[in-house]
Structure formats: C-alpha cells, structure tokens
Amino acid sequence: MSVTGSTRERAHPRLPWVPAYAVFEHYLVGYRRTWRAGVFSSFLLPVLTVLGFGLGVGAYIDQGVGGVRYLDWLVPGLIASTALQVTVGDSTWPVFSNFQWVKTYFAQSASPLRVGDILAGHLAFVLFRVLTTIAAFLLVTGLFGALRSPWAVATVPVVALLGLAVAAPTFAYSASVSSDSWLAMLFRFAVIPMTLFAGVFFPVESLPDALRWLAYVTPLWHAVDLCRAATLGVAPQWSIAGHLLYLAAWAVAGWLLALRAFRRNLVV
C-alpha cells in the first residue's frame, strides 16, 4: 500500500527554513503554560525594587548621585542587573537538566537538527525571556517617572547583547559541570559579586582601584554604563563602540565555547 505525500509529511515534518526556530518554538510551547507566573514576577520585581531601593533608600540620599535623583540613577543599573539574573537563571539549571535529567538535547540531536541549531534555538528563547522581562521593567519604571530620556528604548538592544554575552558562556559552563552544585556556586561567586560591585547601586569610582578594575572586566558594568547613559540622556563613561565591542567579544567567545561543549556531549 502506497503512502501519500501528505501522510509522509505528517510523519516526518519538515524543518523550518531556519532550523533553530523549531527549537525556539519547542520552548515557547512549554512557556505557554508558565508565562502567567513569569509576567506577574516581571511586574512585581520592579515595583518592589523601585519602592524599596529607589524611594526608600533614595529618601536618605538628599543630593542624589552626581546631581541626579537616586531613583533615576538606580533604575538603569537595575535594568541591566535584572537582565543578568534572568539570563543566568535560564542558562544554568535548564541547560544542565537538558543534559543530565530530562535529556531533551539528546532527543533533539536524534532529529535532523544540528548541534548549532539546538544551541541557537535555546539561546533565542533565553533572549526572548530577557527582553520580555525588561520590557515590563521599563513600563513600570516609566510609570514612576524614572526614565528621563526617550533614549531609554536603547536599553532594549543593550540588554539583548548583554544577555547573549552572558548566556553563551553560561551555556558552556552548564554543559561542562558534573553536578548542579556548581551552578549554585556560579551565582554565589559571580552573579552576586557582579550585582553588588558593577555600578548598579553605587558608582564604581568609589571602589578601591583593584576592585574597580575587576568591575570594569565584567560584562555587567559595560551594560550598566550604556543603560545609564540611555535613560539619563548623557554620554557613557566609556565609548559606546568600546562597550558594544567588549560585549560582542564575550558573546562570540561564549558561543564558541558553548558549541564546543555541546558537541562534546552530543556528538558520539
């Protein structure tokens, strides 16, 4: 008995023109069941942060920072640090789980998908999560009058580049560790110090020289400086091109490391 073309197509569906989109769509289908909780936290976090840090702590800082109201100065740092935390959260346990627990990557690699497609599709979903979270953050802080310049919309591509610069090397790290205890250590020894000392809550210039240069090395500080320049409508401390090239270098190096780690695990 012959099998019609339509039947064969249903049994073996064709990949889209960009195969990574099939992987991205896989994560979107799962996200349809959990997006409500994510949207709630995306709005709740900036409201509590603005009330607690911007208005609460800011009430004790009479002259602001550099003549800028503390809330207005703080918000761009929080935008970048929130993007960092969402990125690392979605690039650690989900990636580790796909290798060690639910084995999703192995199922995907058994299809016509290439390793690069699997990696790119998951990275695209992480960037989607970052951008939707930051869009909610911008909306809430805008209602509080904390965005002083229309250039604040430029924070969206900045956090997208930050997300890629952080997600790609984190994917490589998560694909290489043997226990999820190493993922908690990443938060403890990388994410938390970066959040505290990369210019989010106070100027980097107030740090000792050694710590200041450590802050300059982190990708978060470069994103904070760009976001602060955009929301305040001023020039960044470093050149825009320098910031973007530095973040792009992190993204490219991270992609190469992640691709190598994924191939080592998935290609027999």
C-alpha atoms as a PDB file:
ATOM      1  CA  MET A   1       0.000   0.000   0.000  1.00  0.00           C
ATOM      2  CA  SER A   2       1.418   3.366  -1.012  1.00  0.00           C
ATOM      3  CA  VAL A   3       1.778   6.258   1.410  1.00  0.00           C
ATOM      4  CA  THR A   4       0.672   9.654   0.198  1.00  0.00           C
ATOM      5  CA  GLY A   5       2.944  12.666   0.307  1.00  0.00           C
ATOM      6  CA  SER A   6       0.830  14.407   2.924  1.00  0.00           C
ATOM      7  CA  THR A   7       0.988  11.325   5.166  1.00  0.00           C
ATOM      8  CA  ARG A   8       4.770  11.175   4.875  1.00  0.00           C
ATOM      9  CA  GLU A   9       4.966  14.894   5.670  1.00  0.00           C
ATOM     10  CA  ARG A  10       2.903  14.420   8.827  1.00  0.00           C
ATOM     11  CA  ALA A  11       5.082  11.531   9.918  1.00  0.00           C
ATOM     12  CA  HIS A  12       8.306  13.413   9.220  1.00  0.00           C
ATOM     13  CA  PRO A  13       7.544  17.144   9.385  1.00  0.00           C
ATOM     14  CA  ARG A  14       9.957  19.379   7.569  1.00  0.00           C
ATOM     15  CA  LEU A  15      12.225  21.695   9.495  1.00  0.00           C
ATOM     16  CA  PRO A  16      11.623  25.427   9.054  1.00  0.00           C
ATOM     17  CA  TRP A  17      13.909  27.445   6.816  1.00  0.00           C
ATOM     18  CA  VAL A  18      15.856  28.406   9.979  1.00  0.00           C
ATOM     19  CA  PRO A  19      16.090  25.084  11.860  1.00  0.00           C
ATOM     20  CA  ALA A  20      16.873  26.801  15.172  1.00  0.00           C
ATOM     21  CA  TYR A  21      13.333  28.203  15.085  1.00  0.00           C
ATOM     22  CA  ALA A  22      11.988  24.684  15.651  1.00  0.00           C
ATOM     23  CA  VAL A  23      13.963  24.542  18.906  1.00  0.00           C
ATOM     24  CA  PHE A  24      12.829  28.030  19.873  1.00  0.00           C
ATOM     25  CA  GLU A  25       9.225  27.041  19.186  1.00  0.00           C
ATOM     26  CA  HIS A  26       9.645  23.986  21.427  1.00  0.00           C
ATOM     27  CA  TYR A  27      10.473  26.220  24.391  1.00  0.00           C
ATOM     28  CA  LEU A  28       7.678  28.640  23.520  1.00  0.00           C
ATOM     29  CA  VAL A  29       5.145  25.803  23.643  1.00  0.00           C
ATOM     30  CA  GLY A  30       6.293  24.936  27.152  1.00  0.00           C
ATOM     31  CA  TYR A  31       6.331  28.611  28.149  1.00  0.00           C
ATOM     32  CA  ARG A  32       2.632  28.890  27.262  1.00  0.00           C
ATOM     33  CA  ARG A  33       1.880  27.012  30.481  1.00  0.00           C
ATOM     34  CA  THR A  34       4.057  29.120  32.778  1.00  0.00           C
ATOM     35  CA  TRP A  35       4.029  32.628  31.305  1.00  0.00           C
ATOM     36  CA  ARG A  36       1.427  33.957  33.755  1.00  0.00           C
ATOM     37  CA  ALA A  37       3.677  33.449  36.748  1.00  0.00           C
ATOM     38  CA  GLY A  38       6.562  34.969  34.815  1.00  0.00           C
ATOM     39  CA  VAL A  39       4.591  38.058  33.860  1.00  0.00           C
ATOM     40  CA  PHE A  40       3.457  38.553  37.457  1.00  0.00           C
ATOM     41  CA  SER A  41       7.016  38.424  38.777  1.00  0.00           C
ATOM     42  CA  SER A  42       8.237  40.643  35.929  1.00  0.00           C
ATOM     43  CA  PHE A  43       5.937  43.425  37.115  1.00  0.00           C
ATOM     44  CA  LEU A  44       6.212  42.716  40.845  1.00  0.00           C
ATOM     45  CA  LEU A  45      10.025  42.791  40.944  1.00  0.00           C
ATOM     46  CA  PRO A  46      10.471  46.310  39.532  1.00  0.00           C
ATOM     47  CA  VAL A  47       7.633  47.688  41.686  1.00  0.00           C
ATOM     48  CA  LEU A  48       9.171  46.325  44.895  1.00  0.00           C
ATOM     49  CA  THR A  49      12.667  47.360  43.833  1.00  0.00           C
ATOM     50  CA  VAL A  50      11.612  50.907  42.983  1.00  0.00           C
ATOM     51  CA  LEU A  51       9.717  51.246  46.244  1.00  0.00           C
ATOM     52  CA  GLY A  52      12.427  49.654  48.389  1.00  0.00           C
ATOM     53  CA  PHE A  53      15.646  50.988  46.880  1.00  0.00           C
ATOM     54  CA  GLY A  54      14.645  53.919  44.709  1.00  0.00           C
ATOM     55  CA  LEU A  55      12.174  55.600  47.039  1.00  0.00           C
ATOM     56  CA  GLY A  56      13.124  54.013  50.380  1.00  0.00           C
ATOM     57  CA  VAL A  57      16.921  54.271  50.266  1.00  0.00           C
ATOM     58  CA  GLY A  58      16.740  57.242  47.914  1.00  0.00           C
ATOM     59  CA  ALA A  59      14.916  59.247  50.597  1.00  0.00           C
ATOM     60  CA  TYR A  60      18.154  59.266  52.610  1.00  0.00           C
ATOM     61  CA  ILE A  61      20.281  60.465  49.695  1.00  0.00           C
ATOM     62  CA  ASP A  62      19.343  64.130  49.505  1.00  0.00           C
ATOM     63  CA  GLN A  63      21.630  65.198  46.667  1.00  0.00           C
ATOM     64  CA  GLY A  64      21.301  62.012  44.620  1.00  0.00           C
ATOM     65  CA  VAL A  65      24.304  60.788  42.636  1.00  0.00           C
ATOM     66  CA  GLY A  66      26.108  63.372  40.544  1.00  0.00           C
ATOM     67  CA  GLY A  67      23.126  65.682  40.879  1.00  0.00           C
ATOM     68  CA  VAL A  68      20.713  63.015  39.614  1.00  0.00           C
ATOM     69  CA  ARG A  69      17.868  61.722  41.770  1.00  0.00           C
ATOM     70  CA  TYR A  70      18.905  58.357  43.209  1.00  0.00           C
ATOM     71  CA  LEU A  71      15.864  56.566  41.772  1.00  0.00           C
ATOM     72  CA  ASP A  72      16.661  57.820  38.261  1.00  0.00           C
ATOM     73  CA  TRP A  73      20.329  56.867  38.694  1.00  0.00           C
ATOM     74  CA  LEU A  74      19.495  53.417  40.092  1.00  0.00           C
ATOM     75  CA  VAL A  75      16.914  52.238  37.548  1.00  0.00           C
ATOM     76  CA  PRO A  76      19.294  51.661  34.579  1.00  0.00           C
ATOM     77  CA  GLY A  77      21.568  49.608  36.823  1.00  0.00           C
ATOM     78  CA  LEU A  78      18.602  47.521  37.911  1.00  0.00           C
ATOM     79  CA  ILE A  79      17.561  47.027  34.280  1.00  0.00           C
ATOM     80  CA  ALA A  80      20.968  45.572  33.424  1.00  0.00           C
ATOM     81  CA  SER A  81      21.291  43.508  36.620  1.00  0.00           C
ATOM     82  CA  THR A  82      17.786  42.086  36.181  1.00  0.00           C
ATOM     83  CA  ALA A  83      18.694  41.053  32.633  1.00  0.00           C
ATOM     84  CA  LEU A  84      21.830  39.399  34.012  1.00  0.00           C
ATOM     85  CA  GLN A  85      19.934  37.433  36.655  1.00  0.00           C
ATOM     86  CA  VAL A  86      17.217  36.276  34.257  1.00  0.00           C
ATOM     87  CA  THR A  87      19.868  35.230  31.753  1.00  0.00           C
ATOM     88  CA  VAL A  88      21.913  33.217  34.224  1.00  0.00           C
ATOM     89  CA  GLY A  89      18.796  31.663  35.755  1.00  0.00           C
ATOM     90  CA  ASP A  90      17.605  30.430  32.355  1.00  0.00           C
ATOM     91  CA  SER A  91      21.104  29.342  31.253  1.00  0.00           C
ATOM     92  CA  THR A  92      22.055  27.152  34.209  1.00  0.00           C
ATOM     93  CA  TRP A  93      19.567  24.595  35.529  1.00  0.00           C
ATOM     94  CA  PRO A  94      17.535  24.345  32.283  1.00  0.00           C
ATOM     95  CA  VAL A  95      20.703  23.600  30.293  1.00  0.00           C
ATOM     96  CA  PHE A  96      22.064  21.197  32.918  1.00  0.00           C
ATOM     97  CA  SER A  97      18.686  19.454  33.069  1.00  0.00           C
ATOM     98  CA  ASN A  98      18.569  19.026  29.305  1.00  0.00           C
ATOM     99  CA  PHE A  99      21.853  17.138  29.511  1.00  0.00           C
ATOM    100  CA  GLN A 100      21.612  15.285  32.808  1.00  0.00           C
ATOM    101  CA  TRP A 101      17.976  14.848  33.802  1.00  0.00           C
ATOM    102  CA  VAL A 102      15.303  15.142  31.096  1.00  0.00           C
ATOM    103  CA  LYS A 103      17.803  14.581  28.225  1.00  0.00           C
ATOM    104  CA  THR A 104      15.984  16.972  25.879  1.00  0.00           C
ATOM    105  CA  TYR A 105      19.125  17.831  23.965  1.00  0.00           C
ATOM    106  CA  PHE A 106      19.777  14.180  23.148  1.00  0.00           C
ATOM    107  CA  ALA A 107      16.263  13.795  21.755  1.00  0.00           C
ATOM    108  CA  GLN A 108      16.754  16.904  19.628  1.00  0.00           C
ATOM    109  CA  SER A 109      20.136  15.699  18.377  1.00  0.00           C
ATOM    110  CA  ALA A 110      18.496  12.472  17.200  1.00  0.00           C
ATOM    111  CA  SER A 111      16.445  14.572  14.754  1.00  0.00           C
ATOM    112  CA  PRO A 112      17.816  16.339  11.659  1.00  0.00           C
ATOM    113  CA  LEU A 113      18.740  19.297  13.896  1.00  0.00           C
ATOM    114  CA  ARG A 114      22.420  20.159  14.087  1.00  0.00           C
ATOM    115  CA  VAL A 115      24.193  20.971  17.351  1.00  0.00           C
ATOM    116  CA  GLY A 116      24.358  24.636  16.380  1.00  0.00           C
ATOM    117  CA  ASP A 117      20.597  24.681  15.796  1.00  0.00           C
ATOM    118  CA  ILE A 118      19.943  23.222  19.248  1.00  0.00           C
ATOM    119  CA  LEU A 119      22.214  25.785  20.881  1.00  0.00           C
ATOM    120  CA  ALA A 120      20.941  28.754  18.864  1.00  0.00           C
ATOM    121  CA  GLY A 121      17.274  27.895  19.447  1.00  0.00           C
ATOM    122  CA  HIS A 122      17.697  27.673  23.211  1.00  0.00           C
ATOM    123  CA  LEU A 123      19.750  30.878  23.291  1.00  0.00           C
ATOM    124  CA  ALA A 124      16.989  32.613  21.332  1.00  0.00           C
ATOM    125  CA  PHE A 125      14.454  31.588  23.959  1.00  0.00           C
ATOM    126  CA  VAL A 126      16.672  32.932  26.749  1.00  0.00           C
ATOM    127  CA  LEU A 127      16.906  36.268  24.919  1.00  0.00           C
ATOM    128  CA  PHE A 128      13.119  36.234  24.497  1.00  0.00           C
ATOM    129  CA  ARG A 129      12.755  35.816  28.269  1.00  0.00           C
ATOM    130  CA  VAL A 130      15.213  38.640  28.925  1.00  0.00           C
ATOM    131  CA  LEU A 131      13.532  41.063  26.530  1.00  0.00           C
ATOM    132  CA  THR A 132      10.004  40.439  27.815  1.00  0.00           C
ATOM    133  CA  THR A 133      11.181  40.895  31.403  1.00  0.00           C
ATOM    134  CA  ILE A 134      12.982  44.140  30.609  1.00  0.00           C
ATOM    135  CA  ALA A 135      10.003  45.449  28.630  1.00  0.00           C
ATOM    136  CA  ALA A 136       7.879  45.036  31.767  1.00  0.00           C
ATOM    137  CA  PHE A 137      10.614  46.680  33.852  1.00  0.00           C
ATOM    138  CA  LEU A 138      10.742  49.686  31.521  1.00  0.00           C
ATOM    139  CA  LEU A 139       6.967  50.044  31.620  1.00  0.00           C
ATOM    140  CA  VAL A 140       6.811  50.032  35.417  1.00  0.00           C
ATOM    141  CA  THR A 141       9.750  52.385  35.954  1.00  0.00           C
ATOM    142  CA  GLY A 142       8.407  54.686  33.258  1.00  0.00           C
ATOM    143  CA  LEU A 143       5.159  54.991  35.226  1.00  0.00           C
ATOM    144  CA  PHE A 144       7.248  56.070  38.225  1.00  0.00           C
ATOM    145  CA  GLY A 145       8.859  58.788  36.095  1.00  0.00           C
ATOM    146  CA  ALA A 146      12.327  57.243  36.419  1.00  0.00           C
ATOM    147  CA  LEU A 147      13.178  57.352  32.692  1.00  0.00           C
ATOM    148  CA  ARG A 148      14.454  60.832  31.909  1.00  0.00           C
ATOM    149  CA  SER A 149      15.200  60.421  28.200  1.00  0.00           C
ATOM    150  CA  PRO A 150      13.439  58.915  25.172  1.00  0.00           C
ATOM    151  CA  TRP A 151      16.752  57.177  24.526  1.00  0.00           C
ATOM    152  CA  ALA A 152      15.691  54.748  27.256  1.00  0.00           C
ATOM    153  CA  VAL A 153      14.376  52.486  24.475  1.00  0.00           C
ATOM    154  CA  ALA A 154      18.030  51.888  23.554  1.00  0.00           C
ATOM    155  CA  THR A 155      18.339  49.786  26.696  1.00  0.00           C
ATOM    156  CA  VAL A 156      16.442  47.008  24.882  1.00  0.00           C
ATOM    157  CA  PRO A 157      19.206  46.167  22.354  1.00  0.00           C
ATOM    158  CA  VAL A 158      21.807  46.728  25.068  1.00  0.00           C
ATOM    159  CA  VAL A 159      20.286  44.104  27.380  1.00  0.00           C
ATOM    160  CA  ALA A 160      19.837  41.781  24.402  1.00  0.00           C
ATOM    161  CA  LEU A 161      23.576  41.979  23.745  1.00  0.00           C
ATOM    162  CA  LEU A 162      24.275  41.603  27.467  1.00  0.00           C
ATOM    163  CA  GLY A 163      22.009  38.554  27.536  1.00  0.00           C
ATOM    164  CA  LEU A 164      23.913  36.927  24.685  1.00  0.00           C
ATOM    165  CA  ALA A 165      27.281  37.887  26.219  1.00  0.00           C
ATOM    166  CA  VAL A 166      26.307  36.198  29.491  1.00  0.00           C
ATOM    167  CA  ALA A 167      24.104  33.340  28.246  1.00  0.00           C
ATOM    168  CA  ALA A 168      26.595  31.870  25.768  1.00  0.00           C
ATOM    169  CA  PRO A 169      29.474  31.315  28.241  1.00  0.00           C
ATOM    170  CA  THR A 170      26.981  30.216  30.910  1.00  0.00           C
ATOM    171  CA  PHE A 171      25.627  27.592  28.496  1.00  0.00           C
ATOM    172  CA  ALA A 172      29.204  26.358  28.058  1.00  0.00           C
ATOM    173  CA  TYR A 173      29.687  26.231  31.826  1.00  0.00           C
ATOM    174  CA  SER A 174      26.386  24.444  32.470  1.00  0.00           C
ATOM    175  CA  ALA A 175      27.126  21.905  29.754  1.00  0.00           C
ATOM    176  CA  SER A 176      30.527  21.110  31.283  1.00  0.00           C
ATOM    177  CA  VAL A 177      29.850  20.689  35.013  1.00  0.00           C
ATOM    178  CA  SER A 178      29.088  17.312  36.530  1.00  0.00           C
ATOM    179  CA  SER A 179      26.833  18.421  39.397  1.00  0.00           C
ATOM    180  CA  ASP A 180      24.222  21.136  39.857  1.00  0.00           C
ATOM    181  CA  SER A 181      26.131  22.267  42.968  1.00  0.00           C
ATOM    182  CA  TRP A 182      28.474  24.050  40.568  1.00  0.00           C
ATOM    183  CA  LEU A 183      25.536  26.100  39.290  1.00  0.00           C
ATOM    184  CA  ALA A 184      24.797  27.460  42.776  1.00  0.00           C
ATOM    185  CA  MET A 185      28.469  28.387  43.064  1.00  0.00           C
ATOM    186  CA  LEU A 186      28.174  30.420  39.868  1.00  0.00           C
ATOM    187  CA  PHE A 187      25.510  32.579  41.486  1.00  0.00           C
ATOM    188  CA  ARG A 188      27.440  32.849  44.735  1.00  0.00           C
ATOM    189  CA  PHE A 189      30.826  33.758  43.291  1.00  0.00           C
ATOM    190  CA  ALA A 190      29.928  35.512  40.013  1.00  0.00           C
ATOM    191  CA  VAL A 191      26.370  36.823  39.804  1.00  0.00           C
ATOM    192  CA  ILE A 192      26.085  38.257  43.331  1.00  0.00           C
ATOM    193  CA  PRO A 193      29.521  39.978  43.326  1.00  0.00           C
ATOM    194  CA  MET A 194      28.834  41.414  39.873  1.00  0.00           C
ATOM    195  CA  THR A 195      25.469  42.749  41.009  1.00  0.00           C
ATOM    196  CA  LEU A 196      26.987  44.357  44.103  1.00  0.00           C
ATOM    197  CA  PHE A 197      30.168  45.839  42.639  1.00  0.00           C
ATOM    198  CA  ALA A 198      29.496  46.586  38.941  1.00  0.00           C
ATOM    199  CA  GLY A 199      27.975  50.029  39.446  1.00  0.00           C
ATOM    200  CA  VAL A 200      24.339  49.047  39.973  1.00  0.00           C
ATOM    201  CA  PHE A 201      23.817  50.530  43.453  1.00  0.00           C
ATOM    202  CA  PHE A 202      26.724  52.977  43.755  1.00  0.00           C
ATOM    203  CA  PRO A 203      29.373  54.466  41.439  1.00  0.00           C
ATOM    204  CA  VAL A 204      32.293  52.195  40.602  1.00  0.00           C
ATOM    205  CA  GLU A 205      34.621  55.148  41.221  1.00  0.00           C
ATOM    206  CA  SER A 206      34.039  54.806  44.961  1.00  0.00           C
ATOM    207  CA  LEU A 207      35.681  51.349  44.955  1.00  0.00           C
ATOM    208  CA  PRO A 208      39.408  50.734  45.618  1.00  0.00           C
ATOM    209  CA  ASP A 209      41.475  50.571  42.437  1.00  0.00           C
ATOM    210  CA  ALA A 210      41.779  46.768  42.397  1.00  0.00           C
ATOM    211  CA  LEU A 211      38.041  46.200  42.784  1.00  0.00           C
ATOM    212  CA  ARG A 212      37.297  48.962  40.307  1.00  0.00           C
ATOM    213  CA  TRP A 213      39.258  47.220  37.555  1.00  0.00           C
ATOM    214  CA  LEU A 214      37.559  43.942  38.402  1.00  0.00           C
ATOM    215  CA  ALA A 215      34.241  45.734  37.876  1.00  0.00           C
ATOM    216  CA  TYR A 216      35.432  47.031  34.507  1.00  0.00           C
ATOM    217  CA  VAL A 217      36.215  43.462  33.400  1.00  0.00           C
ATOM    218  CA  THR A 218      32.653  42.250  33.994  1.00  0.00           C
ATOM    219  CA  PRO A 219      30.157  42.493  31.130  1.00  0.00           C
ATOM    220  CA  LEU A 220      27.550  43.852  33.553  1.00  0.00           C
ATOM    221  CA  TRP A 221      29.387  47.122  34.151  1.00  0.00           C
ATOM    222  CA  HIS A 222      29.545  47.857  30.426  1.00  0.00           C
ATOM    223  CA  ALA A 223      25.797  47.259  30.095  1.00  0.00           C
ATOM    224  CA  VAL A 224      25.080  49.368  33.195  1.00  0.00           C
ATOM    225  CA  ASP A 225      27.071  52.290  31.788  1.00  0.00           C
ATOM    226  CA  LEU A 226      25.243  52.088  28.452  1.00  0.00           C
ATOM    227  CA  CYS A 227      21.807  51.748  30.063  1.00  0.00           C
ATOM    228  CA  ARG A 228      22.504  54.651  32.429  1.00  0.00           C
ATOM    229  CA  ALA A 229      23.601  56.856  29.556  1.00  0.00           C
ATOM    230  CA  ALA A 230      20.437  55.954  27.636  1.00  0.00           C
ATOM    231  CA  THR A 231      17.912  56.517  30.454  1.00  0.00           C
ATOM    232  CA  LEU A 232      19.571  59.741  31.645  1.00  0.00           C
ATOM    233  CA  GLY A 233      20.282  61.074  28.150  1.00  0.00           C
ATOM    234  CA  VAL A 234      24.017  61.585  28.797  1.00  0.00           C
ATOM    235  CA  ALA A 235      27.256  60.240  27.332  1.00  0.00           C
ATOM    236  CA  PRO A 236      28.584  56.988  28.826  1.00  0.00           C
ATOM    237  CA  GLN A 237      31.842  56.947  30.781  1.00  0.00           C
ATOM    238  CA  TRP A 238      33.483  54.822  28.090  1.00  0.00           C
ATOM    239  CA  SER A 239      32.894  54.962  24.348  1.00  0.00           C
ATOM    240  CA  ILE A 240      29.716  53.350  23.041  1.00  0.00           C
ATOM    241  CA  ALA A 241      31.689  51.416  20.432  1.00  0.00           C
ATOM    242  CA  GLY A 242      34.090  50.144  23.091  1.00  0.00           C
ATOM    243  CA  HIS A 243      31.234  48.887  25.263  1.00  0.00           C
ATOM    244  CA  LEU A 244      29.490  47.160  22.365  1.00  0.00           C
ATOM    245  CA  LEU A 245      32.664  45.531  21.058  1.00  0.00           C
ATOM    246  CA  TYR A 246      33.526  44.243  24.523  1.00  0.00           C
ATOM    247  CA  LEU A 247      30.084  42.687  24.985  1.00  0.00           C
ATOM    248  CA  ALA A 248      30.209  41.276  21.457  1.00  0.00           C
ATOM    249  CA  ALA A 249      33.593  39.679  22.220  1.00  0.00           C
ATOM    250  CA  TRP A 250      32.067  37.957  25.257  1.00  0.00           C
ATOM    251  CA  ALA A 251      29.187  36.734  23.097  1.00  0.00           C
ATOM    252  CA  VAL A 252      31.420  35.354  20.324  1.00  0.00           C
ATOM    253  CA  ALA A 253      33.837  33.665  22.736  1.00  0.00           C
ATOM    254  CA  GLY A 254      30.920  32.240  24.713  1.00  0.00           C
ATOM    255  CA  TRP A 255      29.268  30.899  21.554  1.00  0.00           C
ATOM    256  CA  LEU A 256      32.442  29.084  20.520  1.00  0.00           C
ATOM    257  CA  LEU A 257      32.897  27.605  23.994  1.00  0.00           C
ATOM    258  CA  ALA A 258      29.233  26.566  24.201  1.00  0.00           C
ATOM    259  CA  LEU A 259      29.304  24.994  20.734  1.00  0.00           C
ATOM    260  CA  ARG A 260      32.395  23.027  21.687  1.00  0.00           C
ATOM    261  CA  ALA A 261      30.826  21.835  24.967  1.00  0.00           C
ATOM    262  CA  PHE A 262      27.564  20.856  23.257  1.00  0.00           C
ATOM    263  CA  ARG A 263      29.387  18.930  20.530  1.00  0.00           C
ATOM    264  CA  ARG A 264      31.480  17.112  23.114  1.00  0.00           C
ATOM    265  CA  ASN A 265      28.317  15.949  24.881  1.00  0.00           C
ATOM    266  CA  LEU A 266      26.041  15.292  21.896  1.00  0.00           C
ATOM    267  CA  VAL A 267      28.284  14.068  19.094  1.00  0.00           C
ATOM    268  CA  VAL A 268      29.426  10.478  19.514  1.00  0.00           C
END
